[in-house]
Amino acid sequence: MTARLEGVDGKILISYIQNGIWFILGLVAFALELWALVDCLRHKPSSYEAASKRTKTFWLALTGVAAVIGGLSLLGGGGGFGIFGIAAVTAACVYLADVRPAVKEIGNSGRNQGPYGPW
């Protein structure tokens, strides 16, 4: 005899697991997009131009639209918007991986920095 749940079809169980995974991925993507937006708000506009990374307005618009797309995708179950969701996560990741370190370095240049950090 096999252990089988009464009244539960295998396809339904797989569907629940798949939807759960999509929701978790959507949640992670939305968290990345919010992190990029909040970090973008924290820095001065002159830091972006000094780092040669476009303008603060450009990055605010890009990360803001990415966060809106991520939020709408999350409300839709986490797996929606296809290529738009991928573009939104990509924009947030480009900001976090490329722009954020450059702007952060420019912003820290006015502080007392030694060879191993601030003093």
N, C-alpha and C. Protein backbone atom coordinates (compact mmCIF):
# COMPACT_ATOMS: atom_id res chain seq x y z
N MET A 1 0.82 -1.18 0.00
CA MET A 1 0.00 0.00 0.00
C MET A 1 0.87 1.25 0.00
N THR A 2 0.51 2.22 -0.78
CA THR A 2 1.26 3.46 -0.83
C THR A 2 0.60 4.48 0.08
N ALA A 3 1.42 5.32 0.66
CA ALA A 3 0.89 6.39 1.51
C ALA A 3 0.43 7.51 0.59
N ARG A 4 -0.86 7.71 0.54
CA ARG A 4 -1.42 8.71 -0.35
C ARG A 4 -2.41 9.56 0.41
N LEU A 5 -2.34 10.87 0.19
CA LEU A 5 -3.28 11.77 0.83
C LEU A 5 -4.63 11.65 0.15
N GLU A 6 -5.64 11.51 0.95
CA GLU A 6 -6.99 11.39 0.40
C GLU A 6 -7.46 12.74 -0.13
N GLY A 7 -7.91 12.78 -1.34
CA GLY A 7 -8.50 13.98 -1.93
C GLY A 7 -7.50 15.00 -2.45
N VAL A 8 -6.21 14.70 -2.41
CA VAL A 8 -5.21 15.65 -2.89
C VAL A 8 -4.59 15.09 -4.16
N ASP A 9 -4.74 15.84 -5.21
CA ASP A 9 -4.17 15.45 -6.48
C ASP A 9 -2.71 15.92 -6.54
N GLY A 10 -1.84 15.17 -7.19
CA GLY A 10 -0.43 15.52 -7.29
C GLY A 10 -0.20 16.82 -8.04
N LYS A 11 -1.02 17.08 -9.05
CA LYS A 11 -0.87 18.31 -9.83
C LYS A 11 -1.18 19.53 -8.98
N ILE A 12 -2.15 19.42 -8.12
CA ILE A 12 -2.51 20.55 -7.25
C ILE A 12 -1.38 20.83 -6.27
N LEU A 13 -0.80 19.79 -5.71
CA LEU A 13 0.30 19.95 -4.77
C LEU A 13 1.51 20.61 -5.45
N ILE A 14 1.82 20.16 -6.64
CA ILE A 14 2.93 20.76 -7.39
C ILE A 14 2.63 22.22 -7.71
N SER A 15 1.38 22.53 -8.02
CA SER A 15 0.99 23.90 -8.30
C SER A 15 1.19 24.79 -7.08
N TYR A 16 0.83 24.29 -5.89
CA TYR A 16 1.04 25.07 -4.67
C TYR A 16 2.52 25.33 -4.42
N ILE A 17 3.34 24.32 -4.62
CA ILE A 17 4.78 24.48 -4.42
C ILE A 17 5.36 25.46 -5.43
N GLN A 18 4.94 25.34 -6.68
CA GLN A 18 5.43 26.24 -7.72
C GLN A 18 5.03 27.68 -7.44
N ASN A 19 3.78 27.90 -7.04
CA ASN A 19 3.33 29.25 -6.72
C ASN A 19 4.08 29.82 -5.52
N GLY A 20 4.38 28.97 -4.55
CA GLY A 20 5.16 29.41 -3.40
C GLY A 20 6.56 29.85 -3.78
N ILE A 21 7.18 29.09 -4.66
CA ILE A 21 8.53 29.45 -5.12
C ILE A 21 8.50 30.77 -5.89
N TRP A 22 7.51 30.95 -6.78
CA TRP A 22 7.38 32.21 -7.52
C TRP A 22 7.17 33.38 -6.58
N PHE A 23 6.37 33.17 -5.54
CA PHE A 23 6.11 34.25 -4.58
C PHE A 23 7.38 34.62 -3.82
N ILE A 24 8.16 33.62 -3.40
CA ILE A 24 9.41 33.90 -2.69
C ILE A 24 10.40 34.63 -3.60
N LEU A 25 10.50 34.21 -4.86
CA LEU A 25 11.38 34.91 -5.81
C LEU A 25 10.91 36.34 -6.04
N GLY A 26 9.60 36.54 -6.14
CA GLY A 26 9.06 37.89 -6.29
C GLY A 26 9.35 38.76 -5.08
N LEU A 27 9.29 38.16 -3.90
CA LEU A 27 9.58 38.89 -2.67
C LEU A 27 11.05 39.30 -2.60
N VAL A 28 11.94 38.41 -3.00
CA VAL A 28 13.37 38.73 -3.03
C VAL A 28 13.65 39.84 -4.05
N ALA A 29 13.03 39.75 -5.21
CA ALA A 29 13.22 40.78 -6.24
C ALA A 29 12.72 42.12 -5.76
N PHE A 30 11.56 42.13 -5.11
CA PHE A 30 10.99 43.39 -4.59
C PHE A 30 11.89 43.98 -3.51
N ALA A 31 12.47 43.14 -2.68
CA ALA A 31 13.38 43.63 -1.64
C ALA A 31 14.62 44.28 -2.27
N LEU A 32 15.16 43.67 -3.32
CA LEU A 32 16.31 44.26 -4.03
C LEU A 32 15.94 45.61 -4.63
N GLU A 33 14.76 45.69 -5.23
CA GLU A 33 14.33 46.94 -5.87
C GLU A 33 14.10 48.04 -4.84
N LEU A 34 13.52 47.70 -3.70
CA LEU A 34 13.33 48.69 -2.64
C LEU A 34 14.67 49.14 -2.06
N TRP A 35 15.58 48.21 -1.88
CA TRP A 35 16.91 48.55 -1.37
C TRP A 35 17.60 49.55 -2.30
N ALA A 36 17.53 49.30 -3.60
CA ALA A 36 18.14 50.20 -4.57
C ALA A 36 17.49 51.58 -4.52
N LEU A 37 16.16 51.63 -4.42
CA LEU A 37 15.46 52.91 -4.38
C LEU A 37 15.81 53.70 -3.12
N VAL A 38 15.78 53.06 -1.97
CA VAL A 38 16.08 53.75 -0.71
C VAL A 38 17.53 54.22 -0.69
N ASP A 39 18.45 53.40 -1.19
CA ASP A 39 19.85 53.81 -1.23
C ASP A 39 20.04 54.98 -2.19
N CYS A 40 19.31 54.98 -3.28
CA CYS A 40 19.40 56.08 -4.24
C CYS A 40 18.93 57.39 -3.62
N LEU A 41 17.93 57.33 -2.77
CA LEU A 41 17.42 58.52 -2.10
C LEU A 41 18.41 59.10 -1.09
N ARG A 42 19.27 58.28 -0.55
CA ARG A 42 20.17 58.69 0.53
C ARG A 42 21.34 59.57 0.07
N HIS A 43 21.77 59.44 -1.17
CA HIS A 43 22.98 60.12 -1.62
C HIS A 43 22.66 61.48 -2.25
N LYS A 44 23.64 62.38 -2.19
CA LYS A 44 23.50 63.72 -2.75
C LYS A 44 23.57 63.67 -4.28
N PRO A 45 22.85 64.57 -4.95
CA PRO A 45 22.89 64.59 -6.42
C PRO A 45 24.29 64.83 -6.99
N SER A 46 25.10 65.61 -6.31
CA SER A 46 26.44 65.90 -6.82
C SER A 46 27.34 64.65 -6.81
N SER A 47 27.05 63.70 -5.93
CA SER A 47 27.86 62.48 -5.87
C SER A 47 27.72 61.65 -7.14
N TYR A 48 26.54 61.65 -7.71
CA TYR A 48 26.31 60.86 -8.94
C TYR A 48 27.10 61.45 -10.10
N GLU A 49 27.07 62.76 -10.22
CA GLU A 49 27.79 63.40 -11.33
C GLU A 49 29.30 63.32 -11.13
N ALA A 50 29.75 63.40 -9.87
CA ALA A 50 31.18 63.29 -9.59
C ALA A 50 31.69 61.88 -9.90
N ALA A 51 30.85 60.89 -9.75
CA ALA A 51 31.24 59.51 -10.04
C ALA A 51 30.99 59.14 -11.50
N SER A 52 30.52 60.08 -12.31
CA SER A 52 30.19 59.86 -13.73
C SER A 52 29.19 58.73 -13.92
N LYS A 53 28.12 58.77 -13.14
CA LYS A 53 27.09 57.72 -13.19
C LYS A 53 25.71 58.31 -13.49
N ARG A 54 25.61 59.13 -14.50
CA ARG A 54 24.37 59.82 -14.87
C ARG A 54 23.94 60.76 -13.75
N THR A 55 22.63 60.97 -13.59
CA THR A 55 22.16 61.90 -12.56
C THR A 55 21.32 61.15 -11.54
N LYS A 56 21.11 61.81 -10.41
CA LYS A 56 20.29 61.20 -9.37
C LYS A 56 18.86 61.03 -9.86
N THR A 57 18.36 61.99 -10.63
CA THR A 57 16.99 61.91 -11.15
C THR A 57 16.83 60.68 -12.04
N PHE A 58 17.81 60.41 -12.88
CA PHE A 58 17.76 59.24 -13.74
C PHE A 58 17.66 57.96 -12.91
N TRP A 59 18.53 57.82 -11.90
CA TRP A 59 18.53 56.61 -11.09
C TRP A 59 17.31 56.51 -10.20
N LEU A 60 16.80 57.65 -9.73
CA LEU A 60 15.56 57.62 -8.95
C LEU A 60 14.39 57.14 -9.82
N ALA A 61 14.32 57.63 -11.04
CA ALA A 61 13.25 57.21 -11.95
C ALA A 61 13.37 55.71 -12.27
N LEU A 62 14.58 55.27 -12.55
CA LEU A 62 14.79 53.87 -12.92
C LEU A 62 14.49 52.92 -11.75
N THR A 63 15.02 53.24 -10.58
CA THR A 63 14.77 52.37 -9.43
C THR A 63 13.34 52.50 -8.92
N GLY A 64 12.74 53.68 -9.08
CA GLY A 64 11.34 53.86 -8.69
C GLY A 64 10.40 53.04 -9.55
N VAL A 65 10.61 53.07 -10.86
CA VAL A 65 9.79 52.26 -11.77
C VAL A 65 10.03 50.77 -11.50
N ALA A 66 11.27 50.41 -11.22
CA ALA A 66 11.58 49.01 -10.90
C ALA A 66 10.84 48.56 -9.64
N ALA A 67 10.79 49.42 -8.63
CA ALA A 67 10.09 49.08 -7.39
C ALA A 67 8.58 48.97 -7.61
N VAL A 68 8.03 49.84 -8.44
CA VAL A 68 6.59 49.75 -8.75
C VAL A 68 6.28 48.45 -9.49
N ILE A 69 7.09 48.11 -10.47
CA ILE A 69 6.89 46.86 -11.20
C ILE A 69 7.02 45.67 -10.26
N GLY A 70 8.02 45.71 -9.39
CA GLY A 70 8.19 44.63 -8.42
C GLY A 70 7.02 44.51 -7.46
N GLY A 71 6.50 45.64 -7.00
CA GLY A 71 5.35 45.62 -6.10
C GLY A 71 4.11 45.08 -6.78
N LEU A 72 3.87 45.51 -8.01
CA LEU A 72 2.71 45.01 -8.74
C LEU A 72 2.85 43.52 -9.05
N SER A 73 4.06 43.11 -9.36
CA SER A 73 4.31 41.69 -9.61
C SER A 73 4.08 40.87 -8.35
N LEU A 74 4.49 41.40 -7.22
CA LEU A 74 4.31 40.69 -5.95
C LEU A 74 2.83 40.59 -5.60
N LEU A 75 2.08 41.65 -5.86
CA LEU A 75 0.63 41.61 -5.60
C LEU A 75 -0.07 40.62 -6.52
N GLY A 76 0.49 40.39 -7.69
CA GLY A 76 -0.09 39.46 -8.64
C GLY A 76 0.34 38.02 -8.40
N GLY A 77 1.03 37.75 -7.33
CA GLY A 77 1.43 36.38 -7.03
C GLY A 77 2.92 36.13 -7.12
N GLY A 78 3.68 37.12 -7.54
CA GLY A 78 5.13 36.98 -7.56
C GLY A 78 5.72 36.54 -8.88
N GLY A 79 4.93 36.06 -9.81
CA GLY A 79 5.51 35.55 -11.04
C GLY A 79 5.05 36.30 -12.27
N GLY A 80 4.56 37.50 -12.11
CA GLY A 80 3.99 38.22 -13.24
C GLY A 80 4.97 39.13 -13.94
N PHE A 81 4.51 39.70 -15.03
CA PHE A 81 5.17 40.72 -15.84
C PHE A 81 6.36 40.24 -16.65
N GLY A 82 6.76 39.01 -16.57
CA GLY A 82 7.77 38.43 -17.44
C GLY A 82 8.98 39.29 -17.68
N ILE A 83 9.12 39.81 -18.89
CA ILE A 83 10.30 40.56 -19.28
C ILE A 83 10.42 41.87 -18.52
N PHE A 84 9.29 42.47 -18.13
CA PHE A 84 9.34 43.72 -17.36
C PHE A 84 9.88 43.47 -15.96
N GLY A 85 9.51 42.36 -15.36
CA GLY A 85 10.04 42.00 -14.05
C GLY A 85 11.52 41.73 -14.10
N ILE A 86 11.96 41.06 -15.15
CA ILE A 86 13.39 40.79 -15.32
C ILE A 86 14.15 42.10 -15.53
N ALA A 87 13.61 43.00 -16.32
CA ALA A 87 14.26 44.30 -16.54
C ALA A 87 14.31 45.11 -15.25
N ALA A 88 13.27 45.04 -14.43
CA ALA A 88 13.24 45.78 -13.17
C ALA A 88 14.31 45.26 -12.21
N VAL A 89 14.44 43.96 -12.09
CA VAL A 89 15.46 43.38 -11.22
C VAL A 89 16.85 43.70 -11.76
N THR A 90 17.01 43.66 -13.07
CA THR A 90 18.30 43.98 -13.68
C THR A 90 18.70 45.42 -13.40
N ALA A 91 17.76 46.36 -13.52
CA ALA A 91 18.06 47.76 -13.24
C ALA A 91 18.47 47.96 -11.79
N ALA A 92 17.77 47.31 -10.87
CA ALA A 92 18.11 47.43 -9.45
C ALA A 92 19.48 46.82 -9.17
N CYS A 93 19.78 45.69 -9.79
CA CYS A 93 21.08 45.04 -9.59
C CYS A 93 22.22 45.86 -10.18
N VAL A 94 22.00 46.50 -11.33
CA VAL A 94 23.02 47.37 -11.92
C VAL A 94 23.31 48.53 -10.98
N TYR A 95 22.25 49.11 -10.42
CA TYR A 95 22.46 50.21 -9.46
C TYR A 95 23.26 49.72 -8.26
N LEU A 96 22.86 48.59 -7.69
CA LEU A 96 23.52 48.11 -6.47
C LEU A 96 24.95 47.65 -6.71
N ALA A 97 25.23 47.09 -7.88
CA ALA A 97 26.56 46.55 -8.15
C ALA A 97 27.53 47.57 -8.72
N ASP A 98 27.04 48.56 -9.47
CA ASP A 98 27.93 49.49 -10.16
C ASP A 98 27.84 50.90 -9.60
N VAL A 99 26.65 51.44 -9.52
CA VAL A 99 26.48 52.85 -9.16
C VAL A 99 26.68 53.06 -7.66
N ARG A 100 26.09 52.21 -6.85
CA ARG A 100 26.15 52.38 -5.40
C ARG A 100 27.58 52.44 -4.86
N PRO A 101 28.48 51.50 -5.25
CA PRO A 101 29.86 51.60 -4.73
C PRO A 101 30.58 52.88 -5.16
N ALA A 102 30.35 53.31 -6.40
CA ALA A 102 31.02 54.52 -6.89
C ALA A 102 30.52 55.76 -6.16
N VAL A 103 29.21 55.84 -5.97
CA VAL A 103 28.63 57.00 -5.29
C VAL A 103 29.01 56.98 -3.81
N LYS A 104 29.04 55.81 -3.23
CA LYS A 104 29.41 55.68 -1.82
C LYS A 104 30.86 56.11 -1.59
N GLU A 105 31.73 55.76 -2.53
CA GLU A 105 33.13 56.15 -2.42
C GLU A 105 33.30 57.66 -2.53
N ILE A 106 32.56 58.28 -3.41
CA ILE A 106 32.60 59.74 -3.56
C ILE A 106 32.08 60.40 -2.29
N GLY A 107 31.01 59.85 -1.74
CA GLY A 107 30.42 60.42 -0.53
C GLY A 107 31.31 60.30 0.68
N ASN A 108 32.18 59.29 0.73
CA ASN A 108 33.07 59.11 1.87
C ASN A 108 34.38 59.87 1.73
N SER A 109 34.62 60.51 0.60
CA SER A 109 35.92 61.14 0.38
C SER A 109 36.14 62.36 1.27
N GLY A 110 35.10 62.98 1.77
CA GLY A 110 35.25 64.16 2.61
C GLY A 110 35.55 63.83 4.06
N ARG A 111 35.41 62.60 4.46
CA ARG A 111 35.66 62.21 5.85
C ARG A 111 37.12 61.87 6.05
N ASN A 112 37.50 61.77 7.29
CA ASN A 112 38.88 61.38 7.62
C ASN A 112 39.07 59.91 7.30
N GLN A 113 39.79 59.64 6.25
CA GLN A 113 40.01 58.27 5.82
C GLN A 113 41.49 57.94 5.95
N GLY A 114 41.78 56.87 6.63
CA GLY A 114 43.14 56.36 6.69
C GLY A 114 43.28 55.21 5.72
N PRO A 115 44.42 54.54 5.69
CA PRO A 115 44.61 53.44 4.75
C PRO A 115 43.71 52.23 5.07
N TYR A 116 43.21 52.15 6.30
CA TYR A 116 42.39 51.01 6.70
C TYR A 116 40.98 51.42 7.08
N GLY A 117 40.54 52.60 6.69
CA GLY A 117 39.19 53.06 7.00
C GLY A 117 39.21 54.38 7.74
N PRO A 118 38.05 54.79 8.25
CA PRO A 118 37.97 56.10 8.91
C PRO A 118 38.68 56.10 10.26
N TRP A 119 39.16 57.29 10.64
CA TRP A 119 39.79 57.44 11.96
C TRP A 119 39.32 58.70 12.62
